[in-house]
Amino acid sequence: MAITKDQERALELIEQAMKHQMAREFDDAIKLYKESIAIYPTADAHTYLGWAYSFLGRLNEAIAQCEIAIQLDPEFGNPYNDIGVYLMQQQRFDDAIPWLERAKSAKRYDPRHFPHINLGRIYLTKGMLQKALEEFYGALKINPDDQELSQLVEELQTKLQ
């Protein structure tokens, strides 16, 4: 399937927006994501626009953008995880769990270990250490080189003995 000029331009704008976002130039990033969406709406652009909003504390707008992304591409895992994270930031842990579970099974998703880590954090917060440990194991299976996570798993195992 050939990429149209509009799609190509929209992807270029996403790349530019990401550079601004990494430089913490959120207003410029938001403007470019919106330009990209106006040319050719993608789940990626809506998700990343939501991410930019989240850095500005605009969590409800961030969630709304992720919901649009899911409508455009239900197989894209990032917006599910991101909604879970935004709900966690709002202390809505129980609401976050189903979103993070959906992120774990999404077909198009990288980095796959994030929803496991986020679920582990929720279960830790809720005092559910065994469930937290299971999620952290899941994350380590996907990303075995994460030293910080390995250390956390060891500490949890010690607490549970």
Protein backbone atom coordinates (compact mmCIF):
# COMPACT_ATOMS: atom_id res chain seq x y z
CA MET A 1 0.00 0.00 0.00
CA ALA A 2 1.57 3.25 -1.17
CA ILE A 3 1.87 6.16 1.21
CA THR A 4 0.22 9.33 -0.09
CA LYS A 5 1.88 12.75 -0.02
CA ASP A 6 -0.53 13.75 2.77
CA GLN A 7 0.41 10.74 4.88
CA GLU A 8 4.09 11.40 4.29
CA ARG A 9 3.73 15.06 5.32
CA ALA A 10 1.66 14.11 8.38
CA LEU A 11 4.40 11.69 9.50
CA GLU A 12 7.08 14.35 8.98
CA LEU A 13 5.10 16.72 11.21
CA ILE A 14 4.85 14.05 13.92
CA GLU A 15 8.64 13.62 13.81
CA GLN A 16 9.15 17.39 14.11
CA ALA A 17 6.63 17.57 16.95
CA MET A 18 8.43 14.78 18.82
CA LYS A 19 11.69 16.73 18.64
CA HIS A 20 9.97 19.77 20.15
CA GLN A 21 8.34 17.61 22.78
CA MET A 22 11.68 16.05 23.78
CA ALA A 23 13.05 19.59 24.10
CA ARG A 24 10.08 20.36 26.40
CA GLU A 25 8.70 22.85 23.84
CA PHE A 26 5.16 21.62 24.34
CA ASP A 27 3.27 24.47 22.65
CA ASP A 28 5.29 23.98 19.45
CA ALA A 29 4.80 20.20 19.65
CA ILE A 30 1.04 20.58 20.13
CA LYS A 31 0.80 22.91 17.13
CA LEU A 32 2.66 20.40 14.92
CA TYR A 33 0.62 17.40 16.11
CA LYS A 34 -2.56 19.33 15.31
CA GLU A 35 -1.19 20.20 11.86
CA SER A 36 -0.41 16.54 11.27
CA ILE A 37 -3.92 15.53 12.33
CA ALA A 38 -5.47 18.16 10.06
CA ILE A 39 -3.59 16.72 7.08
CA TYR A 40 -4.01 13.02 7.89
CA PRO A 41 -5.35 11.88 11.28
CA THR A 42 -3.43 8.97 12.82
CA ALA A 43 -3.65 7.15 16.12
CA ASP A 44 0.00 8.03 16.69
CA ALA A 45 -0.51 11.78 16.32
CA HIS A 46 -3.54 11.79 18.65
CA THR A 47 -1.67 9.68 21.24
CA TYR A 48 1.39 11.93 21.17
CA LEU A 49 -0.78 15.04 21.28
CA GLY A 50 -2.32 13.58 24.42
CA TRP A 51 1.14 12.95 25.80
CA ALA A 52 2.06 16.61 25.21
CA TYR A 53 -1.14 17.71 26.96
CA SER A 54 -0.24 15.49 29.93
CA PHE A 55 3.04 17.34 30.45
CA LEU A 56 0.99 20.51 30.81
CA GLY A 57 -1.30 18.86 33.38
CA ARG A 58 -4.18 18.71 30.90
CA LEU A 59 -5.02 15.09 31.72
CA ASN A 60 -8.66 15.07 30.62
CA GLU A 61 -7.63 16.41 27.20
CA ALA A 62 -4.85 13.82 27.09
CA ILE A 63 -7.36 11.03 27.78
CA ALA A 64 -9.72 12.40 25.11
CA GLN A 65 -6.92 12.32 22.51
CA CYS A 66 -6.07 8.73 23.43
CA GLU A 67 -9.72 7.76 23.05
CA ILE A 68 -9.68 9.20 19.52
CA ALA A 69 -6.46 7.28 18.82
CA ILE A 70 -8.13 4.03 19.90
CA GLN A 71 -11.06 4.71 17.57
CA LEU A 72 -8.61 5.20 14.69
CA ASP A 73 -6.49 2.13 15.52
CA PRO A 74 -7.74 -0.22 18.26
CA GLU A 75 -4.58 -2.36 17.84
CA PHE A 76 -2.23 0.47 18.88
CA GLY A 77 -1.23 -0.16 22.50
CA ASN A 78 0.24 3.20 23.49
CA PRO A 79 -3.05 5.05 24.04
CA TYR A 80 -4.35 2.28 26.33
CA ASN A 81 -1.24 2.46 28.48
CA ASP A 82 -1.27 6.25 28.42
CA ILE A 83 -4.89 6.43 29.58
CA GLY A 84 -3.94 4.08 32.40
CA VAL A 85 -1.06 6.35 33.39
CA TYR A 86 -3.21 9.50 33.26
CA LEU A 87 -5.82 7.83 35.47
CA MET A 88 -3.04 6.80 37.87
CA GLN A 89 -1.94 10.44 38.00
CA GLN A 90 -5.52 11.29 38.98
CA GLN A 91 -5.36 8.64 41.75
CA ARG A 92 -8.03 6.62 39.88
CA PHE A 93 -6.18 3.31 40.22
CA ASP A 94 -9.14 0.95 39.78
CA ASP A 95 -10.19 2.80 36.61
CA ALA A 96 -6.65 2.49 35.24
CA ILE A 97 -6.39 -1.31 35.54
CA PRO A 98 -8.58 -2.32 32.55
CA TRP A 99 -6.78 0.16 30.27
CA LEU A 100 -3.38 -1.23 31.24
CA GLU A 101 -4.63 -4.80 30.77
CA ARG A 102 -5.76 -3.89 27.25
CA ALA A 103 -2.35 -2.35 26.52
CA LYS A 104 -0.67 -5.67 27.39
CA SER A 105 -2.59 -7.49 24.65
CA ALA A 106 -2.47 -4.83 21.91
CA LYS A 107 -0.99 -6.08 18.64
CA ARG A 108 0.95 -2.90 17.78
CA TYR A 109 2.79 -1.82 20.88
CA ASP A 110 6.29 -1.04 21.97
CA PRO A 111 7.58 -0.86 24.73
CA ARG A 112 5.51 -3.82 25.89
CA HIS A 113 6.82 -3.90 29.46
CA PHE A 114 5.32 -0.51 30.46
CA PRO A 115 1.77 -1.68 31.22
CA HIS A 116 3.18 -4.46 33.41
CA ILE A 117 5.25 -1.93 35.36
CA ASN A 118 2.29 0.43 35.70
CA LEU A 119 0.00 -2.37 36.89
CA GLY A 120 2.71 -3.42 39.34
CA ARG A 121 2.81 0.11 40.71
CA ILE A 122 -0.96 0.15 41.15
CA TYR A 123 -0.92 -3.16 43.00
CA LEU A 124 1.93 -1.92 45.21
CA THR A 125 -0.11 1.18 46.04
CA LYS A 126 -3.08 -1.02 46.89
CA GLY A 127 -0.90 -3.25 49.11
CA MET A 128 -1.35 -6.25 46.79
CA LEU A 129 2.29 -7.32 46.82
CA GLN A 130 1.88 -10.75 45.18
CA LYS A 131 -0.04 -9.26 42.21
CA ALA A 132 2.54 -6.47 41.95
CA LEU A 133 5.32 -9.04 41.88
CA GLU A 134 3.55 -10.99 39.10
CA GLU A 135 3.32 -7.84 36.97
CA PHE A 136 6.96 -6.94 37.60
CA TYR A 137 7.95 -10.50 36.60
CA GLY A 138 5.99 -9.98 33.39
CA ALA A 139 7.91 -6.77 32.72
CA LEU A 140 11.25 -8.44 33.41
CA LYS A 141 10.40 -11.26 31.03
CA ILE A 142 10.00 -8.67 28.27
CA ASN A 143 12.85 -6.39 29.39
CA PRO A 144 15.33 -8.53 31.37
CA ASP A 145 18.06 -5.87 31.42
CA ASP A 146 16.12 -3.47 33.66
CA GLN A 147 18.35 -3.40 36.75
CA GLU A 148 16.07 -1.10 38.73
CA LEU A 149 13.14 -3.43 38.19
CA SER A 150 15.26 -6.49 39.09
CA GLN A 151 16.18 -4.82 42.36
CA LEU A 152 12.53 -3.98 43.10
CA VAL A 153 11.54 -7.61 42.44
CA GLU A 154 14.23 -8.82 44.85
CA GLU A 155 12.99 -6.42 47.54
CA LEU A 156 9.39 -7.57 47.08
CA GLN A 157 10.40 -11.23 47.21
CA THR A 158 12.16 -10.54 50.51
CA LYS A 159 9.06 -8.83 51.94
CA LEU A 160 6.86 -11.74 50.90
CA GLN A 161 9.07 -14.42 52.52
